[in-house]
Amino acid sequence: MNERGGVASDAVAARARRFEFAGSVEREGHVLAEGRAPIELPEAWTPEHLLLAAVARCTLKSLAFHARGALVSGAASMTCAVTRREADGRYAVVELDVRFDVQLDPEPVPDQLPELLAKAERDCFVGNSLAVKPGYEWRVNGRPAAAAS
């Protein structure tokens, strides 16, 4: 028995890492994130635009993490559709597509690229937080590429 009265186990339970974020929107519309300089978003920037940018940036960060030392640069274009969901009659994002054009240096071995892209998609927590699964399209080093299914 351990000090809490439980039975000790040979296997140590893996504790998931926890990430916490904080931000605020001021009355004037400035957006602040954890002590960083405030940014002022024009009114034309809707919450939907910010969501699209969040999915793209998160996926690019995930790609850079899994590329393990490769230099990653890239751009993304995103679209989404918001309408009433049939399941519950509430307005929500029902389609979301992201197209990436990225450069990886060094270029991954061709048979490893699909798995790398799958990890980038899988480990974007913003995309994972949505009820709708984002659709992804990739161009890597000027060529179309696809994630492993």
N, C-alpha and C. Protein backbone atom coordinates (compact mmCIF):
# COMPACT_ATOMS: atom_id res chain seq x y z
N MET A 1 0.85 -1.18 0.00
CA MET A 1 0.00 0.00 0.00
C MET A 1 0.88 1.24 0.00
N ASN A 2 0.39 2.26 -0.67
CA ASN A 2 1.14 3.52 -0.66
C ASN A 2 0.62 4.42 0.45
N GLU A 3 1.21 5.63 0.55
CA GLU A 3 0.85 6.53 1.65
C GLU A 3 -0.59 7.02 1.59
N ARG A 4 -1.25 6.89 0.48
CA ARG A 4 -2.65 7.31 0.37
C ARG A 4 -3.61 6.15 0.60
N GLY A 5 -3.07 5.00 0.90
CA GLY A 5 -3.92 3.86 1.16
C GLY A 5 -4.25 3.04 -0.08
N GLY A 6 -3.77 3.47 -1.23
CA GLY A 6 -4.02 2.73 -2.46
C GLY A 6 -2.95 1.69 -2.69
N VAL A 7 -3.22 0.80 -3.60
CA VAL A 7 -2.26 -0.24 -3.93
C VAL A 7 -1.28 0.33 -4.95
N ALA A 8 0.00 0.17 -4.68
CA ALA A 8 1.02 0.65 -5.61
C ALA A 8 1.01 -0.21 -6.86
N SER A 9 1.25 0.40 -7.98
CA SER A 9 1.25 -0.31 -9.25
C SER A 9 2.63 -0.22 -9.87
N ASP A 10 3.03 -1.29 -10.55
CA ASP A 10 4.30 -1.26 -11.27
C ASP A 10 4.23 -0.29 -12.44
N ALA A 11 3.06 -0.14 -13.03
CA ALA A 11 2.89 0.76 -14.17
C ALA A 11 2.54 2.15 -13.65
N VAL A 12 3.29 3.13 -14.03
CA VAL A 12 3.00 4.50 -13.64
C VAL A 12 2.05 5.07 -14.68
N ALA A 13 0.92 5.55 -14.20
CA ALA A 13 -0.06 6.13 -15.13
C ALA A 13 0.52 7.38 -15.76
N ALA A 14 0.44 7.44 -17.06
CA ALA A 14 0.94 8.62 -17.77
C ALA A 14 -0.04 9.77 -17.56
N ARG A 15 0.47 10.85 -17.06
CA ARG A 15 -0.36 12.03 -16.83
C ARG A 15 -0.25 12.93 -18.05
N ALA A 16 -1.39 13.28 -18.60
CA ALA A 16 -1.39 14.15 -19.78
C ALA A 16 -0.89 15.53 -19.40
N ARG A 17 -0.09 16.11 -20.28
CA ARG A 17 0.34 17.48 -20.06
C ARG A 17 -0.87 18.39 -20.19
N ARG A 18 -0.90 19.40 -19.40
CA ARG A 18 -2.01 20.35 -19.41
C ARG A 18 -1.47 21.72 -19.80
N PHE A 19 -2.11 22.34 -20.77
CA PHE A 19 -1.73 23.66 -21.23
C PHE A 19 -2.87 24.61 -20.89
N GLU A 20 -2.54 25.73 -20.33
CA GLU A 20 -3.57 26.71 -19.99
C GLU A 20 -3.25 28.03 -20.68
N PHE A 21 -4.29 28.68 -21.16
CA PHE A 21 -4.15 29.94 -21.87
C PHE A 21 -5.14 30.93 -21.30
N ALA A 22 -4.80 32.20 -21.37
CA ALA A 22 -5.70 33.24 -20.91
C ALA A 22 -5.63 34.40 -21.88
N GLY A 23 -6.72 35.07 -22.01
CA GLY A 23 -6.77 36.24 -22.87
C GLY A 23 -7.95 37.09 -22.47
N SER A 24 -8.05 38.25 -23.09
CA SER A 24 -9.19 39.11 -22.80
C SER A 24 -9.47 40.00 -24.00
N VAL A 25 -10.68 40.48 -24.05
CA VAL A 25 -11.10 41.47 -25.03
C VAL A 25 -11.56 42.67 -24.21
N GLU A 26 -10.93 43.82 -24.44
CA GLU A 26 -11.28 45.02 -23.70
C GLU A 26 -12.49 45.70 -24.33
N ARG A 27 -13.09 46.58 -23.58
CA ARG A 27 -14.27 47.31 -24.07
C ARG A 27 -14.00 48.01 -25.41
N GLU A 28 -12.77 48.50 -25.58
CA GLU A 28 -12.41 49.20 -26.82
C GLU A 28 -12.19 48.24 -27.97
N GLY A 29 -12.20 46.93 -27.69
CA GLY A 29 -12.00 45.94 -28.73
C GLY A 29 -10.60 45.38 -28.83
N HIS A 30 -9.65 45.90 -28.03
CA HIS A 30 -8.29 45.36 -28.04
C HIS A 30 -8.30 43.93 -27.51
N VAL A 31 -7.47 43.11 -28.10
CA VAL A 31 -7.34 41.72 -27.68
C VAL A 31 -6.00 41.56 -26.98
N LEU A 32 -6.02 40.98 -25.80
CA LEU A 32 -4.79 40.74 -25.05
C LEU A 32 -4.62 39.25 -24.80
N ALA A 33 -3.36 38.83 -24.78
CA ALA A 33 -3.06 37.43 -24.51
C ALA A 33 -1.93 37.35 -23.51
N GLU A 34 -2.24 36.96 -22.31
CA GLU A 34 -1.26 36.64 -21.27
C GLU A 34 -0.08 37.62 -21.21
N GLY A 35 -0.38 38.89 -21.02
CA GLY A 35 0.67 39.87 -20.82
C GLY A 35 1.37 40.34 -22.09
N ARG A 36 0.96 39.87 -23.22
CA ARG A 36 1.56 40.34 -24.47
C ARG A 36 0.95 41.68 -24.86
N ALA A 37 1.59 42.35 -25.78
CA ALA A 37 1.09 43.64 -26.25
C ALA A 37 -0.30 43.46 -26.85
N PRO A 38 -1.21 44.37 -26.57
CA PRO A 38 -2.56 44.26 -27.12
C PRO A 38 -2.55 44.46 -28.62
N ILE A 39 -3.47 43.81 -29.28
CA ILE A 39 -3.66 44.04 -30.70
C ILE A 39 -5.07 44.57 -30.91
N GLU A 40 -5.20 45.41 -31.89
CA GLU A 40 -6.51 45.96 -32.21
C GLU A 40 -6.97 45.33 -33.50
N LEU A 41 -8.06 44.62 -33.42
CA LEU A 41 -8.60 43.97 -34.61
C LEU A 41 -9.66 44.85 -35.24
N PRO A 42 -9.56 45.09 -36.53
CA PRO A 42 -10.62 45.84 -37.20
C PRO A 42 -11.95 45.10 -37.07
N GLU A 43 -13.06 45.84 -37.09
CA GLU A 43 -14.37 45.21 -36.96
C GLU A 43 -14.62 44.16 -38.03
N ALA A 44 -13.97 44.30 -39.18
CA ALA A 44 -14.16 43.34 -40.26
C ALA A 44 -13.66 41.94 -39.89
N TRP A 45 -12.78 41.86 -38.87
CA TRP A 45 -12.30 40.56 -38.40
C TRP A 45 -13.35 39.96 -37.48
N THR A 46 -14.08 38.99 -37.99
CA THR A 46 -15.14 38.35 -37.22
C THR A 46 -14.57 37.20 -36.39
N PRO A 47 -15.33 36.70 -35.44
CA PRO A 47 -14.89 35.51 -34.71
C PRO A 47 -14.64 34.32 -35.65
N GLU A 48 -15.39 34.25 -36.73
CA GLU A 48 -15.19 33.16 -37.68
C GLU A 48 -13.81 33.27 -38.35
N HIS A 49 -13.39 34.50 -38.68
CA HIS A 49 -12.06 34.69 -39.26
C HIS A 49 -10.98 34.28 -38.25
N LEU A 50 -11.17 34.64 -37.01
CA LEU A 50 -10.20 34.28 -35.98
C LEU A 50 -10.13 32.77 -35.79
N LEU A 51 -11.27 32.10 -35.87
CA LEU A 51 -11.28 30.64 -35.76
C LEU A 51 -10.50 30.01 -36.92
N LEU A 52 -10.72 30.51 -38.13
CA LEU A 52 -9.99 29.99 -39.29
C LEU A 52 -8.48 30.18 -39.11
N ALA A 53 -8.09 31.37 -38.68
CA ALA A 53 -6.67 31.64 -38.46
C ALA A 53 -6.10 30.73 -37.36
N ALA A 54 -6.89 30.47 -36.33
CA ALA A 54 -6.43 29.61 -35.24
C ALA A 54 -6.18 28.19 -35.72
N VAL A 55 -7.08 27.66 -36.54
CA VAL A 55 -6.89 26.29 -37.06
C VAL A 55 -5.63 26.24 -37.92
N ALA A 56 -5.44 27.22 -38.79
CA ALA A 56 -4.27 27.22 -39.67
C ALA A 56 -2.98 27.35 -38.88
N ARG A 57 -2.92 28.30 -37.96
CA ARG A 57 -1.69 28.50 -37.18
C ARG A 57 -1.38 27.30 -36.29
N CYS A 58 -2.41 26.72 -35.71
CA CYS A 58 -2.21 25.55 -34.85
C CYS A 58 -1.67 24.37 -35.66
N THR A 59 -2.21 24.16 -36.85
CA THR A 59 -1.76 23.05 -37.69
C THR A 59 -0.32 23.28 -38.13
N LEU A 60 0.03 24.52 -38.50
CA LEU A 60 1.41 24.81 -38.88
C LEU A 60 2.38 24.60 -37.70
N LYS A 61 1.95 24.97 -36.49
CA LYS A 61 2.80 24.74 -35.31
C LYS A 61 2.96 23.24 -35.05
N SER A 62 1.89 22.50 -35.26
CA SER A 62 1.94 21.05 -35.09
C SER A 62 2.89 20.43 -36.11
N LEU A 63 2.83 20.90 -37.35
CA LEU A 63 3.74 20.42 -38.39
C LEU A 63 5.19 20.70 -38.00
N ALA A 64 5.46 21.92 -37.55
CA ALA A 64 6.83 22.28 -37.15
C ALA A 64 7.31 21.41 -36.01
N PHE A 65 6.43 21.12 -35.05
CA PHE A 65 6.80 20.26 -33.93
C PHE A 65 7.19 18.86 -34.42
N HIS A 66 6.37 18.29 -35.27
CA HIS A 66 6.63 16.92 -35.74
C HIS A 66 7.73 16.85 -36.78
N ALA A 67 8.07 17.95 -37.42
CA ALA A 67 9.16 17.96 -38.41
C ALA A 67 10.52 17.87 -37.74
N ARG A 68 10.56 17.99 -36.44
CA ARG A 68 11.75 17.79 -35.61
C ARG A 68 13.02 18.40 -36.19
N GLY A 69 13.09 19.69 -36.15
CA GLY A 69 14.31 20.36 -36.56
C GLY A 69 14.32 20.85 -37.99
N ALA A 70 13.41 20.38 -38.80
CA ALA A 70 13.34 20.89 -40.17
C ALA A 70 12.82 22.32 -40.13
N LEU A 71 13.31 23.13 -41.00
CA LEU A 71 12.82 24.49 -41.12
C LEU A 71 11.48 24.44 -41.84
N VAL A 72 10.46 24.98 -41.21
CA VAL A 72 9.11 24.96 -41.77
C VAL A 72 8.65 26.39 -41.98
N SER A 73 8.25 26.69 -43.19
CA SER A 73 7.61 27.97 -43.46
C SER A 73 6.41 27.68 -44.33
N GLY A 74 5.41 28.50 -44.22
CA GLY A 74 4.25 28.20 -45.04
C GLY A 74 3.16 29.22 -44.92
N ALA A 75 2.20 29.04 -45.76
CA ALA A 75 1.02 29.89 -45.81
C ALA A 75 -0.20 28.99 -45.86
N ALA A 76 -1.34 29.57 -45.51
CA ALA A 76 -2.58 28.80 -45.55
C ALA A 76 -3.70 29.70 -46.02
N SER A 77 -4.68 29.10 -46.66
CA SER A 77 -5.92 29.80 -46.97
C SER A 77 -7.04 28.92 -46.42
N MET A 78 -8.05 29.57 -45.87
CA MET A 78 -9.08 28.84 -45.16
C MET A 78 -10.46 29.32 -45.58
N THR A 79 -11.42 28.40 -45.53
CA THR A 79 -12.82 28.74 -45.75
C THR A 79 -13.67 27.94 -44.77
N CYS A 80 -14.82 28.52 -44.44
CA CYS A 80 -15.76 27.76 -43.62
C CYS A 80 -17.18 28.16 -44.00
N ALA A 81 -18.10 27.31 -43.64
CA ALA A 81 -19.52 27.59 -43.84
C ALA A 81 -20.20 27.47 -42.49
N VAL A 82 -21.03 28.46 -42.18
CA VAL A 82 -21.80 28.46 -40.95
C VAL A 82 -23.27 28.45 -41.35
N THR A 83 -24.01 27.51 -40.79
CA THR A 83 -25.45 27.43 -41.02
C THR A 83 -26.07 26.65 -39.87
N ARG A 84 -27.35 26.49 -39.95
CA ARG A 84 -28.06 25.74 -38.92
C ARG A 84 -27.77 24.24 -39.10
N ARG A 85 -27.31 23.61 -38.02
CA ARG A 85 -27.06 22.17 -38.05
C ARG A 85 -28.37 21.42 -38.03
N GLU A 86 -28.45 20.38 -38.80
CA GLU A 86 -29.66 19.55 -38.80
C GLU A 86 -29.86 18.84 -37.47
N ALA A 87 -28.76 18.43 -36.85
CA ALA A 87 -28.84 17.63 -35.63
C ALA A 87 -29.54 18.35 -34.48
N ASP A 88 -29.26 19.66 -34.31
CA ASP A 88 -29.82 20.35 -33.15
C ASP A 88 -30.42 21.72 -33.48
N GLY A 89 -30.40 22.12 -34.75
CA GLY A 89 -31.01 23.38 -35.14
C GLY A 89 -30.22 24.61 -34.73
N ARG A 90 -28.98 24.45 -34.25
CA ARG A 90 -28.16 25.58 -33.83
C ARG A 90 -27.19 25.96 -34.93
N TYR A 91 -26.89 27.27 -35.03
CA TYR A 91 -25.91 27.73 -36.00
C TYR A 91 -24.52 27.32 -35.54
N ALA A 92 -23.74 26.80 -36.48
CA ALA A 92 -22.39 26.33 -36.17
C ALA A 92 -21.59 26.23 -37.46
N VAL A 93 -20.28 26.08 -37.30
CA VAL A 93 -19.43 25.79 -38.45
C VAL A 93 -19.76 24.36 -38.88
N VAL A 94 -20.17 24.20 -40.12
CA VAL A 94 -20.54 22.87 -40.62
C VAL A 94 -19.55 22.37 -41.67
N GLU A 95 -18.73 23.25 -42.20
CA GLU A 95 -17.66 22.88 -43.13
C GLU A 95 -16.48 23.80 -42.85
N LEU A 96 -15.29 23.22 -42.88
CA LEU A 96 -14.09 24.01 -42.68
C LEU A 96 -12.98 23.37 -43.51
N ASP A 97 -12.39 24.12 -44.40
CA ASP A 97 -11.32 23.61 -45.25
C ASP A 97 -10.11 24.51 -45.13
N VAL A 98 -8.93 23.88 -45.08
CA VAL A 98 -7.67 24.61 -44.97
C VAL A 98 -6.72 24.07 -46.04
N ARG A 99 -6.15 24.98 -46.81
CA ARG A 99 -5.18 24.62 -47.84
C ARG A 99 -3.83 25.21 -47.44
N PHE A 100 -2.84 24.34 -47.38
CA PHE A 100 -1.49 24.76 -46.97
C PHE A 100 -0.53 24.70 -48.14
N ASP A 101 0.37 25.66 -48.16
CA ASP A 101 1.49 25.66 -49.09
C ASP A 101 2.72 25.87 -48.23
N VAL A 102 3.46 24.79 -47.97
CA VAL A 102 4.56 24.84 -47.01
C VAL A 102 5.88 24.43 -47.67
N GLN A 103 6.94 24.90 -47.04
CA GLN A 103 8.29 24.51 -47.43
C GLN A 103 8.91 23.80 -46.23
N LEU A 104 9.52 22.65 -46.47
CA LEU A 104 10.22 21.90 -45.43
C LEU A 104 11.67 21.74 -45.88
N ASP A 105 12.60 22.12 -45.01
CA ASP A 105 14.01 22.01 -45.32
C ASP A 105 14.75 21.47 -44.10
N PRO A 106 15.29 20.27 -44.17
CA PRO A 106 15.36 19.42 -45.35
C PRO A 106 14.01 18.78 -45.64
N GLU A 107 13.85 18.41 -46.89
CA GLU A 107 12.62 17.76 -47.31
C GLU A 107 12.56 16.36 -46.72
N PRO A 108 11.40 15.96 -46.17
CA PRO A 108 11.32 14.61 -45.60
C PRO A 108 11.41 13.54 -46.68
N VAL A 109 11.80 12.37 -46.26
CA VAL A 109 11.81 11.21 -47.17
C VAL A 109 10.38 11.03 -47.67
N PRO A 110 10.18 10.86 -49.00
CA PRO A 110 8.83 10.83 -49.56
C PRO A 110 7.85 9.87 -48.86
N ASP A 111 8.32 8.70 -48.47
CA ASP A 111 7.36 7.77 -47.83
C ASP A 111 7.06 8.14 -46.38
N GLN A 112 7.78 9.12 -45.80
CA GLN A 112 7.49 9.59 -44.44
C GLN A 112 6.61 10.83 -44.42
N LEU A 113 6.48 11.50 -45.56
CA LEU A 113 5.71 12.74 -45.62
C LEU A 113 4.24 12.54 -45.27
N PRO A 114 3.54 11.51 -45.80
CA PRO A 114 2.12 11.35 -45.44
C PRO A 114 1.89 11.21 -43.93
N GLU A 115 2.77 10.50 -43.25
CA GLU A 115 2.62 10.35 -41.79
C GLU A 115 2.89 11.66 -41.07
N LEU A 116 3.87 12.43 -41.54
CA LEU A 116 4.16 13.73 -40.95
C LEU A 116 2.95 14.65 -41.08
N LEU A 117 2.34 14.69 -42.24
CA LEU A 117 1.16 15.54 -42.44
C LEU A 117 -0.01 15.05 -41.59
N ALA A 118 -0.17 13.74 -41.46
CA ALA A 118 -1.24 13.19 -40.62
C ALA A 118 -1.05 13.61 -39.17
N LYS A 119 0.19 13.61 -38.69
CA LYS A 119 0.46 14.05 -37.32
C LYS A 119 0.16 15.54 -37.15
N ALA A 120 0.50 16.34 -38.15
CA ALA A 120 0.21 17.78 -38.09
C ALA A 120 -1.29 18.01 -37.96
N GLU A 121 -2.08 17.27 -38.74
CA GLU A 121 -3.53 17.41 -38.68
C GLU A 121 -4.08 16.88 -37.36
N ARG A 122 -3.62 15.71 -36.97
CA ARG A 122 -4.13 15.04 -35.77
C ARG A 122 -3.84 15.82 -34.50
N ASP A 123 -2.70 16.48 -34.42
CA ASP A 123 -2.28 17.10 -33.17
C ASP A 123 -2.57 18.59 -33.07
N CYS A 124 -3.35 19.13 -34.00
CA CYS A 124 -3.81 20.51 -33.86
C CYS A 124 -5.01 20.49 -32.92
N PHE A 125 -4.82 20.95 -31.69
CA PHE A 125 -5.90 20.87 -30.71
C PHE A 125 -7.06 21.79 -31.05
N VAL A 126 -6.81 22.87 -31.79
CA VAL A 126 -7.90 23.77 -32.16
C VAL A 126 -8.86 23.02 -33.10
N GLY A 127 -8.30 22.40 -34.13
CA GLY A 127 -9.13 21.61 -35.05
C GLY A 127 -9.83 20.46 -34.34
N ASN A 128 -9.12 19.85 -33.38
CA ASN A 128 -9.71 18.74 -32.63
C ASN A 128 -10.85 19.18 -31.72
N SER A 129 -10.89 20.46 -31.39
CA SER A 129 -11.90 20.98 -30.48
C SER A 129 -13.23 21.27 -31.17
N LEU A 130 -13.24 21.19 -32.48
CA LEU A 130 -14.45 21.50 -33.24
C LEU A 130 -15.31 20.26 -33.45
N ALA A 131 -16.62 20.47 -33.56
CA ALA A 131 -17.52 19.35 -33.85
C ALA A 131 -17.32 18.87 -35.29
N VAL A 132 -16.98 19.79 -36.19
CA VAL A 132 -16.75 19.43 -37.59
C VAL A 132 -15.26 19.17 -37.78
N LYS A 133 -14.93 18.13 -38.50
CA LYS A 133 -13.52 17.82 -38.76
C LYS A 133 -13.05 18.67 -39.94
N PRO A 134 -11.98 19.44 -39.75
CA PRO A 134 -11.49 20.24 -40.88
C PRO A 134 -11.02 19.36 -42.03
N GLY A 135 -11.21 19.86 -43.23
CA GLY A 135 -10.64 19.21 -44.41
C GLY A 135 -9.31 19.88 -44.70
N TYR A 136 -8.29 19.09 -44.99
CA TYR A 136 -6.95 19.63 -45.21
C TYR A 136 -6.49 19.31 -46.63
N GLU A 137 -5.81 20.28 -47.24
CA GLU A 137 -5.19 20.09 -48.54
C GLU A 137 -3.76 20.62 -48.41
N TRP A 138 -2.79 19.87 -48.92
CA TRP A 138 -1.39 20.22 -48.73
C TRP A 138 -0.64 20.38 -50.05
N ARG A 139 0.25 21.36 -50.09
CA ARG A 139 1.31 21.49 -51.08
C ARG A 139 2.59 21.60 -50.27
N VAL A 140 3.51 20.70 -50.53
CA VAL A 140 4.77 20.69 -49.79
C VAL A 140 5.91 20.82 -50.81
N ASN A 141 6.71 21.86 -50.62
CA ASN A 141 7.83 22.13 -51.51
C ASN A 141 7.39 22.16 -52.97
N GLY A 142 6.23 22.80 -53.19
CA GLY A 142 5.74 23.02 -54.54
C GLY A 142 4.97 21.87 -55.15
N ARG A 143 4.79 20.76 -54.40
CA ARG A 143 4.08 19.60 -54.95
C ARG A 143 2.90 19.22 -54.10
N PRO A 144 1.79 18.77 -54.71
CA PRO A 144 0.65 18.29 -53.92
C PRO A 144 1.09 17.11 -53.06
N ALA A 145 0.53 17.05 -51.86
CA ALA A 145 0.84 15.97 -50.92
C ALA A 145 -0.44 15.65 -50.16
N ALA A 146 -0.48 14.46 -49.59
CA ALA A 146 -1.65 14.05 -48.82
C ALA A 146 -1.19 13.38 -47.53
N ALA A 147 -1.99 13.59 -46.52
CA ALA A 147 -1.72 12.95 -45.22
C ALA A 147 -2.12 11.48 -45.30
N ALA A 148 -1.44 10.67 -44.49
CA ALA A 148 -1.83 9.26 -44.38
C ALA A 148 -3.22 9.19 -43.78
N SER A 149 -4.01 8.24 -44.24
CA SER A 149 -5.38 8.14 -43.69
C SER A 149 -5.44 7.24 -42.49
